[in-house]
Amino acid sequence: MGTIWVIINYFLKVDIDKSAAVSLGLVWTVLLSIFNYFLLYAKREDIFMKYNNIQTKRKIKGQIYFWIYVLLSFTSFYVSVANLVELKH
């Protein structure tokens, strides 16, 4: 989400002060938490039962994909911020 906001801010030249950015971030966090609760947390037992007995090889492969995704997400966020956000002195 942060990368998307950086790119939108770069192209639209939206000047948002720090308190508004924090408030917007908190609103998005609450909305995503509510969304996750109703879609995932409420069905957690069904999800646990479905993936409880997966093969070890598939589990390791899934963890590798997860960490690659995390690494690429942080990298893309860092590159976006480093190249698109202008410093204001």
PDB file of N, CA and C in Angstrom:
ATOM      1  N   MET A   1       0.823  -1.198   0.000  1.00  0.00           N
ATOM      2  CA  MET A   1       0.000   0.000   0.000  1.00  0.00           C
ATOM      3  C   MET A   1       0.862   1.254   0.000  1.00  0.00           C
ATOM      4  N   GLY A   2       1.959   1.195   0.759  1.00  0.00           N
ATOM      5  CA  GLY A   2       2.825   2.365   0.826  1.00  0.00           C
ATOM      6  C   GLY A   2       3.420   2.720  -0.522  1.00  0.00           C
ATOM      7  N   THR A   3       3.818   1.705  -1.283  1.00  0.00           N
ATOM      8  CA  THR A   3       4.389   1.936  -2.601  1.00  0.00           C
ATOM      9  C   THR A   3       3.367   2.586  -3.530  1.00  0.00           C
ATOM     10  N   ILE A   4       2.139   2.135  -3.455  1.00  0.00           N
ATOM     11  CA  ILE A   4       1.079   2.713  -4.294  1.00  0.00           C
ATOM     12  C   ILE A   4       0.867   4.182  -3.942  1.00  0.00           C
ATOM     13  N   TRP A   5       0.854   4.497  -2.634  1.00  0.00           N
ATOM     14  CA  TRP A   5       0.683   5.898  -2.224  1.00  0.00           C
ATOM     15  C   TRP A   5       1.841   6.769  -2.691  1.00  0.00           C
ATOM     16  N   VAL A   6       3.062   6.229  -2.644  1.00  0.00           N
ATOM     17  CA  VAL A   6       4.221   6.994  -3.103  1.00  0.00           C
ATOM     18  C   VAL A   6       4.094   7.302  -4.591  1.00  0.00           C
ATOM     19  N   ILE A   7       3.698   6.312  -5.375  1.00  0.00           N
ATOM     20  CA  ILE A   7       3.573   6.510  -6.820  1.00  0.00           C
ATOM     21  C   ILE A   7       2.441   7.494  -7.142  1.00  0.00           C
ATOM     22  N   ILE A   8       1.310   7.354  -6.462  1.00  0.00           N
ATOM     23  CA  ILE A   8       0.193   8.292  -6.668  1.00  0.00           C
ATOM     24  C   ILE A   8       0.617   9.707  -6.299  1.00  0.00           C
ATOM     25  N   ASN A   9       1.300   9.855  -5.175  1.00  0.00           N
ATOM     26  CA  ASN A   9       1.763  11.169  -4.738  1.00  0.00           C
ATOM     27  C   ASN A   9       2.740  11.772  -5.739  1.00  0.00           C
ATOM     28  N   TYR A  10       3.579  10.949  -6.332  1.00  0.00           N
ATOM     29  CA  TYR A  10       4.552  11.448  -7.304  1.00  0.00           C
ATOM     30  C   TYR A  10       3.872  11.991  -8.557  1.00  0.00           C
ATOM     31  N   PHE A  11       2.933  11.228  -9.103  1.00  0.00           N
ATOM     32  CA  PHE A  11       2.304  11.639 -10.355  1.00  0.00           C
ATOM     33  C   PHE A  11       1.256  12.728 -10.171  1.00  0.00           C
ATOM     34  N   LEU A  12       0.524  12.709  -9.083  1.00  0.00           N
ATOM     35  CA  LEU A  12      -0.516  13.712  -8.867  1.00  0.00           C
ATOM     36  C   LEU A  12      -0.017  14.938  -8.114  1.00  0.00           C
ATOM     37  N   LYS A  13       1.198  14.882  -7.608  1.00  0.00           N
ATOM     38  CA  LYS A  13       1.808  16.002  -6.863  1.00  0.00           C
ATOM     39  C   LYS A  13       0.929  16.451  -5.704  1.00  0.00           C
ATOM     40  N   VAL A  14       0.407  15.489  -4.970  1.00  0.00           N
ATOM     41  CA  VAL A  14      -0.430  15.787  -3.816  1.00  0.00           C
ATOM     42  C   VAL A  14       0.479  16.128  -2.642  1.00  0.00           C
ATOM     43  N   ASP A  15       0.255  17.272  -2.039  1.00  0.00           N
ATOM     44  CA  ASP A  15       1.063  17.688  -0.898  1.00  0.00           C
ATOM     45  C   ASP A  15       0.269  17.406   0.378  1.00  0.00           C
ATOM     46  N   ILE A  16       0.643  16.348   1.072  1.00  0.00           N
ATOM     47  CA  ILE A  16      -0.063  15.941   2.278  1.00  0.00           C
ATOM     48  C   ILE A  16       0.864  16.162   3.472  1.00  0.00           C
ATOM     49  N   ASP A  17       0.365  16.845   4.490  1.00  0.00           N
ATOM     50  CA  ASP A  17       1.187  17.051   5.671  1.00  0.00           C
ATOM     51  C   ASP A  17       1.278  15.750   6.479  1.00  0.00           C
ATOM     52  N   LYS A  18       2.195  15.730   7.434  1.00  0.00           N
ATOM     53  CA  LYS A  18       2.495  14.503   8.170  1.00  0.00           C
ATOM     54  C   LYS A  18       1.297  13.984   8.965  1.00  0.00           C
ATOM     55  N   SER A  19       0.558  14.853   9.618  1.00  0.00           N
ATOM     56  CA  SER A  19      -0.576  14.389  10.431  1.00  0.00           C
ATOM     57  C   SER A  19      -1.680  13.793   9.553  1.00  0.00           C
ATOM     58  N   ALA A  20      -1.898  14.375   8.384  1.00  0.00           N
ATOM     59  CA  ALA A  20      -2.901  13.819   7.465  1.00  0.00           C
ATOM     60  C   ALA A  20      -2.450  12.468   6.928  1.00  0.00           C
ATOM     61  N   ALA A  21      -1.170  12.324   6.651  1.00  0.00           N
ATOM     62  CA  ALA A  21      -0.646  11.045   6.159  1.00  0.00           C
ATOM     63  C   ALA A  21      -0.784   9.958   7.216  1.00  0.00           C
ATOM     64  N   VAL A  22      -0.505  10.306   8.471  1.00  0.00           N
ATOM     65  CA  VAL A  22      -0.649   9.344   9.563  1.00  0.00           C
ATOM     66  C   VAL A  22      -2.115   8.963   9.740  1.00  0.00           C
ATOM     67  N   SER A  23      -2.991   9.937   9.690  1.00  0.00           N
ATOM     68  CA  SER A  23      -4.425   9.662   9.816  1.00  0.00           C
ATOM     69  C   SER A  23      -4.920   8.774   8.684  1.00  0.00           C
ATOM     70  N   LEU A  24      -4.497   9.070   7.473  1.00  0.00           N
ATOM     71  CA  LEU A  24      -4.876   8.260   6.323  1.00  0.00           C
ATOM     72  C   LEU A  24      -4.348   6.834   6.462  1.00  0.00           C
ATOM     73  N   GLY A  25      -3.134   6.700   6.940  1.00  0.00           N
ATOM     74  CA  GLY A  25      -2.566   5.376   7.178  1.00  0.00           C
ATOM     75  C   GLY A  25      -3.338   4.593   8.226  1.00  0.00           C
ATOM     76  N   LEU A  26      -3.756   5.268   9.289  1.00  0.00           N
ATOM     77  CA  LEU A  26      -4.542   4.600  10.328  1.00  0.00           C
ATOM     78  C   LEU A  26      -5.915   4.165   9.814  1.00  0.00           C
ATOM     79  N   VAL A  27      -6.529   5.005   9.007  1.00  0.00           N
ATOM     80  CA  VAL A  27      -7.833   4.650   8.435  1.00  0.00           C
ATOM     81  C   VAL A  27      -7.698   3.421   7.543  1.00  0.00           C
ATOM     82  N   TRP A  28      -6.677   3.391   6.680  1.00  0.00           N
ATOM     83  CA  TRP A  28      -6.453   2.227   5.820  1.00  0.00           C
ATOM     84  C   TRP A  28      -6.176   0.974   6.646  1.00  0.00           C
ATOM     85  N   THR A  29      -5.409   1.107   7.728  1.00  0.00           N
ATOM     86  CA  THR A  29      -5.108  -0.033   8.583  1.00  0.00           C
ATOM     87  C   THR A  29      -6.370  -0.592   9.214  1.00  0.00           C
ATOM     88  N   VAL A  30      -7.229   0.279   9.711  1.00  0.00           N
ATOM     89  CA  VAL A  30      -8.484  -0.169  10.322  1.00  0.00           C
ATOM     90  C   VAL A  30      -9.382  -0.833   9.280  1.00  0.00           C
ATOM     91  N   LEU A  31      -9.497  -0.230   8.100  1.00  0.00           N
ATOM     92  CA  LEU A  31     -10.332  -0.812   7.050  1.00  0.00           C
ATOM     93  C   LEU A  31      -9.815  -2.193   6.624  1.00  0.00           C
ATOM     94  N   LEU A  32      -8.510  -2.323   6.448  1.00  0.00           N
ATOM     95  CA  LEU A  32      -7.951  -3.622   6.075  1.00  0.00           C
ATOM     96  C   LEU A  32      -8.097  -4.648   7.189  1.00  0.00           C
ATOM     97  N   SER A  33      -7.992  -4.216   8.432  1.00  0.00           N
ATOM     98  CA  SER A  33      -8.170  -5.139   9.560  1.00  0.00           C
ATOM     99  C   SER A  33      -9.605  -5.664   9.614  1.00  0.00           C
ATOM    100  N   ILE A  34     -10.568  -4.787   9.407  1.00  0.00           N
ATOM    101  CA  ILE A  34     -11.972  -5.215   9.388  1.00  0.00           C
ATOM    102  C   ILE A  34     -12.217  -6.167   8.221  1.00  0.00           C
ATOM    103  N   PHE A  35     -11.680  -5.832   7.061  1.00  0.00           N
ATOM    104  CA  PHE A  35     -11.812  -6.680   5.879  1.00  0.00           C
ATOM    105  C   PHE A  35     -11.219  -8.070   6.136  1.00  0.00           C
ATOM    106  N   ASN A  36     -10.014  -8.107   6.700  1.00  0.00           N
ATOM    107  CA  ASN A  36      -9.366  -9.394   7.006  1.00  0.00           C
ATOM    108  C   ASN A  36     -10.140 -10.178   8.045  1.00  0.00           C
ATOM    109  N   TYR A  37     -10.714  -9.511   9.019  1.00  0.00           N
ATOM    110  CA  TYR A  37     -11.462 -10.221  10.052  1.00  0.00           C
ATOM    111  C   TYR A  37     -12.637 -10.965   9.447  1.00  0.00           C
ATOM    112  N   PHE A  38     -13.415 -10.274   8.640  1.00  0.00           N
ATOM    113  CA  PHE A  38     -14.617 -10.909   8.104  1.00  0.00           C
ATOM    114  C   PHE A  38     -14.323 -11.949   7.030  1.00  0.00           C
ATOM    115  N   LEU A  39     -13.218 -11.794   6.306  1.00  0.00           N
ATOM    116  CA  LEU A  39     -12.928 -12.754   5.245  1.00  0.00           C
ATOM    117  C   LEU A  39     -12.020 -13.902   5.690  1.00  0.00           C
ATOM    118  N   LEU A  40     -11.101 -13.632   6.584  1.00  0.00           N
ATOM    119  CA  LEU A  40     -10.132 -14.666   6.939  1.00  0.00           C
ATOM    120  C   LEU A  40     -10.260 -15.161   8.375  1.00  0.00           C
ATOM    121  N   TYR A  41     -10.281 -14.266   9.319  1.00  0.00           N
ATOM    122  CA  TYR A  41     -10.263 -14.672  10.714  1.00  0.00           C
ATOM    123  C   TYR A  41     -11.515 -15.459  11.096  1.00  0.00           C
ATOM    124  N   ALA A  42     -12.644 -15.063  10.558  1.00  0.00           N
ATOM    125  CA  ALA A  42     -13.886 -15.768  10.871  1.00  0.00           C
ATOM    126  C   ALA A  42     -13.876 -17.195  10.323  1.00  0.00           C
ATOM    127  N   LYS A  43     -13.089 -17.429   9.271  1.00  0.00           N
ATOM    128  CA  LYS A  43     -13.013 -18.757   8.660  1.00  0.00           C
ATOM    129  C   LYS A  43     -11.698 -19.461   8.986  1.00  0.00           C
ATOM    130  N   ARG A  44     -11.022 -19.051  10.039  1.00  0.00           N
ATOM    131  CA  ARG A  44      -9.683 -19.556  10.336  1.00  0.00           C
ATOM    132  C   ARG A  44      -9.638 -21.056  10.574  1.00  0.00           C
ATOM    133  N   GLU A  45     -10.639 -21.610  11.214  1.00  0.00           N
ATOM    134  CA  GLU A  45     -10.617 -23.050  11.484  1.00  0.00           C
ATOM    135  C   GLU A  45     -10.733 -23.853  10.196  1.00  0.00           C
ATOM    136  N   ASP A  46     -11.553 -23.398   9.264  1.00  0.00           N
ATOM    137  CA  ASP A  46     -11.652 -24.072   7.966  1.00  0.00           C
ATOM    138  C   ASP A  46     -10.320 -23.994   7.212  1.00  0.00           C
ATOM    139  N   ILE A  47      -9.671 -22.842   7.295  1.00  0.00           N
ATOM    140  CA  ILE A  47      -8.385 -22.665   6.621  1.00  0.00           C
ATOM    141  C   ILE A  47      -7.328 -23.555   7.273  1.00  0.00           C
ATOM    142  N   PHE A  48      -7.296 -23.619   8.613  1.00  0.00           N
ATOM    143  CA  PHE A  48      -6.337 -24.484   9.307  1.00  0.00           C
ATOM    144  C   PHE A  48      -6.544 -25.946   8.937  1.00  0.00           C
ATOM    145  N   MET A  49      -7.792 -26.368   8.868  1.00  0.00           N
ATOM    146  CA  MET A  49      -8.081 -27.762   8.522  1.00  0.00           C
ATOM    147  C   MET A  49      -7.627 -28.071   7.088  1.00  0.00           C
ATOM    148  N   LYS A  50      -7.819 -27.127   6.186  1.00  0.00           N
ATOM    149  CA  LYS A  50      -7.469 -27.340   4.788  1.00  0.00           C
ATOM    150  C   LYS A  50      -5.960 -27.492   4.601  1.00  0.00           C
ATOM    151  N   TYR A  51      -5.175 -26.676   5.316  1.00  0.00           N
ATOM    152  CA  TYR A  51      -3.731 -26.663   5.108  1.00  0.00           C
ATOM    153  C   TYR A  51      -2.953 -27.337   6.224  1.00  0.00           C
ATOM    154  N   ASN A  52      -3.612 -28.052   7.090  1.00  0.00           N
ATOM    155  CA  ASN A  52      -2.943 -28.706   8.215  1.00  0.00           C
ATOM    156  C   ASN A  52      -2.048 -29.851   7.758  1.00  0.00           C
ATOM    157  N   ASN A  53      -2.461 -30.599   6.772  1.00  0.00           N
ATOM    158  CA  ASN A  53      -1.730 -31.797   6.369  1.00  0.00           C
ATOM    159  C   ASN A  53      -1.079 -31.669   4.994  1.00  0.00           C
ATOM    160  N   ILE A  54      -0.491 -30.514   4.690  1.00  0.00           N
ATOM    161  CA  ILE A  54       0.180 -30.373   3.403  1.00  0.00           C
ATOM    162  C   ILE A  54       1.561 -31.015   3.479  1.00  0.00           C
ATOM    163  N   GLN A  55       2.091 -31.379   2.324  1.00  0.00           N
ATOM    164  CA  GLN A  55       3.395 -32.025   2.269  1.00  0.00           C
ATOM    165  C   GLN A  55       4.496 -31.051   2.690  1.00  0.00           C
ATOM    166  N   THR A  56       5.550 -31.606   3.263  1.00  0.00           N
ATOM    167  CA  THR A  56       6.666 -30.788   3.745  1.00  0.00           C
ATOM    168  C   THR A  56       7.314 -30.023   2.600  1.00  0.00           C
ATOM    169  N   LYS A  57       7.471 -30.676   1.456  1.00  0.00           N
ATOM    170  CA  LYS A  57       8.094 -30.021   0.299  1.00  0.00           C
ATOM    171  C   LYS A  57       7.263 -28.811  -0.141  1.00  0.00           C
ATOM    172  N   ARG A  58       5.959 -28.968  -0.160  1.00  0.00           N
ATOM    173  CA  ARG A  58       5.080 -27.862  -0.557  1.00  0.00           C
ATOM    174  C   ARG A  58       5.112 -26.750   0.484  1.00  0.00           C
ATOM    175  N   LYS A  59       5.203 -27.115   1.754  1.00  0.00           N
ATOM    176  CA  LYS A  59       5.259 -26.117   2.829  1.00  0.00           C
ATOM    177  C   LYS A  59       6.528 -25.270   2.713  1.00  0.00           C
ATOM    178  N   ILE A  60       7.661 -25.916   2.459  1.00  0.00           N
ATOM    179  CA  ILE A  60       8.927 -25.199   2.310  1.00  0.00           C
ATOM    180  C   ILE A  60       8.874 -24.291   1.080  1.00  0.00           C
ATOM    181  N   LYS A  61       8.322 -24.796   0.002  1.00  0.00           N
ATOM    182  CA  LYS A  61       8.183 -24.000  -1.223  1.00  0.00           C
ATOM    183  C   LYS A  61       7.309 -22.765  -0.966  1.00  0.00           C
ATOM    184  N   GLY A  62       6.233 -22.928  -0.223  1.00  0.00           N
ATOM    185  CA  GLY A  62       5.374 -21.805   0.115  1.00  0.00           C
ATOM    186  C   GLY A  62       6.079 -20.773   0.972  1.00  0.00           C
ATOM    187  N   GLN A  63       6.901 -21.224   1.923  1.00  0.00           N
ATOM    188  CA  GLN A  63       7.651 -20.294   2.769  1.00  0.00           C
ATOM    189  C   GLN A  63       8.689 -19.530   1.959  1.00  0.00           C
ATOM    190  N   ILE A  64       9.325 -20.211   1.008  1.00  0.00           N
ATOM    191  CA  ILE A  64      10.294 -19.533   0.143  1.00  0.00           C
ATOM    192  C   ILE A  64       9.593 -18.450  -0.677  1.00  0.00           C
ATOM    193  N   TYR A  65       8.449 -18.780  -1.269  1.00  0.00           N
ATOM    194  CA  TYR A  65       7.690 -17.787  -2.036  1.00  0.00           C
ATOM    195  C   TYR A  65       7.262 -16.617  -1.159  1.00  0.00           C
ATOM    196  N   PHE A  66       6.857 -16.913   0.062  1.00  0.00           N
ATOM    197  CA  PHE A  66       6.444 -15.853   0.989  1.00  0.00           C
ATOM    198  C   PHE A  66       7.592 -14.886   1.258  1.00  0.00           C
ATOM    199  N   TRP A  67       8.778 -15.403   1.572  1.00  0.00           N
ATOM    200  CA  TRP A  67       9.903 -14.537   1.901  1.00  0.00           C
ATOM    201  C   TRP A  67      10.422 -13.787   0.676  1.00  0.00           C
ATOM    202  N   ILE A  68      10.334 -14.394  -0.498  1.00  0.00           N
ATOM    203  CA  ILE A  68      10.693 -13.671  -1.722  1.00  0.00           C
ATOM    204  C   ILE A  68       9.726 -12.504  -1.927  1.00  0.00           C
ATOM    205  N   TYR A  69       8.443 -12.732  -1.705  1.00  0.00           N
ATOM    206  CA  TYR A  69       7.434 -11.680  -1.819  1.00  0.00           C
ATOM    207  C   TYR A  69       7.713 -10.544  -0.835  1.00  0.00           C
ATOM    208  N   VAL A  70       8.018 -10.888   0.406  1.00  0.00           N
ATOM    209  CA  VAL A  70       8.316  -9.867   1.425  1.00  0.00           C
ATOM    210  C   VAL A  70       9.541  -9.056   1.016  1.00  0.00           C
ATOM    211  N   LEU A  71      10.592  -9.737   0.595  1.00  0.00           N
ATOM    212  CA  LEU A  71      11.825  -9.056   0.195  1.00  0.00           C
ATOM    213  C   LEU A  71      11.583  -8.128  -0.997  1.00  0.00           C
ATOM    214  N   LEU A  72      10.873  -8.610  -1.998  1.00  0.00           N
ATOM    215  CA  LEU A  72      10.586  -7.775  -3.169  1.00  0.00           C
ATOM    216  C   LEU A  72       9.660  -6.603  -2.832  1.00  0.00           C
ATOM    217  N   SER A  73       8.732  -6.803  -1.903  1.00  0.00           N
ATOM    218  CA  SER A  73       7.847  -5.712  -1.491  1.00  0.00           C
ATOM    219  C   SER A  73       8.632  -4.595  -0.815  1.00  0.00           C
ATOM    220  N   PHE A  74       9.507  -4.961   0.127  1.00  0.00           N
ATOM    221  CA  PHE A  74      10.309  -3.939   0.795  1.00  0.00           C
ATOM    222  C   PHE A  74      11.265  -3.263  -0.184  1.00  0.00           C
ATOM    223  N   THR A  75      11.836  -4.035  -1.096  1.00  0.00           N
ATOM    224  CA  THR A  75      12.749  -3.468  -2.083  1.00  0.00           C
ATOM    225  C   THR A  75      12.023  -2.484  -2.991  1.00  0.00           C
ATOM    226  N   SER A  76      10.840  -2.867  -3.479  1.00  0.00           N
ATOM    227  CA  SER A  76      10.100  -1.958  -4.367  1.00  0.00           C
ATOM    228  C   SER A  76       9.654  -0.707  -3.620  1.00  0.00           C
ATOM    229  N   PHE A  77       9.278  -0.839  -2.346  1.00  0.00           N
ATOM    230  CA  PHE A  77       8.910   0.331  -1.558  1.00  0.00           C
ATOM    231  C   PHE A  77      10.114   1.261  -1.384  1.00  0.00           C
ATOM    232  N   TYR A  78      11.268   0.689  -1.044  1.00  0.00           N
ATOM    233  CA  TYR A  78      12.473   1.493  -0.848  1.00  0.00           C
ATOM    234  C   TYR A  78      12.867   2.210  -2.139  1.00  0.00           C
ATOM    235  N   VAL A  79      12.858   1.493  -3.256  1.00  0.00           N
ATOM    236  CA  VAL A  79      13.235   2.097  -4.533  1.00  0.00           C
ATOM    237  C   VAL A  79      12.249   3.195  -4.916  1.00  0.00           C
ATOM    238  N   SER A  80      10.960   2.959  -4.688  1.00  0.00           N
ATOM    239  CA  SER A  80       9.953   3.980  -4.997  1.00  0.00           C
ATOM    240  C   SER A  80      10.160   5.230  -4.163  1.00  0.00           C
ATOM    241  N   VAL A  81      10.369   5.045  -2.887  1.00  0.00           N
ATOM    242  CA  VAL A  81      10.563   6.203  -1.999  1.00  0.00           C
ATOM    243  C   VAL A  81      11.859   6.921  -2.348  1.00  0.00           C
ATOM    244  N   ALA A  82      12.925   6.180  -2.575  1.00  0.00           N
ATOM    245  CA  ALA A  82      14.218   6.793  -2.878  1.00  0.00           C
ATOM    246  C   ALA A  82      14.189   7.582  -4.177  1.00  0.00           C
ATOM    247  N   ASN A  83      13.425   7.128  -5.151  1.00  0.00           N
ATOM    248  CA  ASN A  83      13.437   7.779  -6.463  1.00  0.00           C
ATOM    249  C   ASN A  83      12.274   8.730  -6.711  1.00  0.00           C
ATOM    250  N   LEU A  84      11.189   8.581  -5.996  1.00  0.00           N
ATOM    251  CA  LEU A  84      10.016   9.389  -6.310  1.00  0.00           C
ATOM    252  C   LEU A  84       9.677  10.449  -5.269  1.00  0.00           C
ATOM    253  N   VAL A  85      10.125  10.293  -4.038  1.00  0.00           N
ATOM    254  CA  VAL A  85       9.775  11.249  -2.996  1.00  0.00           C
ATOM    255  C   VAL A  85      10.847  12.332  -2.944  1.00  0.00           C
ATOM    256  N   GLU A  86      10.382  13.572  -3.029  1.00  0.00           N
ATOM    257  CA  GLU A  86      11.300  14.701  -2.963  1.00  0.00           C
ATOM    258  C   GLU A  86      11.480  15.127  -1.511  1.00  0.00           C
ATOM    259  N   LEU A  87      12.724  15.398  -1.130  1.00  0.00           N
ATOM    260  CA  LEU A  87      12.996  15.877   0.221  1.00  0.00           C
ATOM    261  C   LEU A  87      12.626  17.347   0.329  1.00  0.00           C
ATOM    262  N   LYS A  88      11.974  17.707   1.425  1.00  0.00           N
ATOM    263  CA  LYS A  88      11.587  19.098   1.650  1.00  0.00           C
ATOM    264  C   LYS A  88      12.404  19.621   2.836  1.00  0.00           C
ATOM    265  N   HIS A  89      13.231  20.576   2.558  1.00  0.00           N
ATOM    266  CA  HIS A  89      14.077  21.138   3.634  1.00  0.00           C
ATOM    267  C   HIS A  89      13.523  22.443   4.115  1.00  0.00           C
TER     268      HIS A  89
END
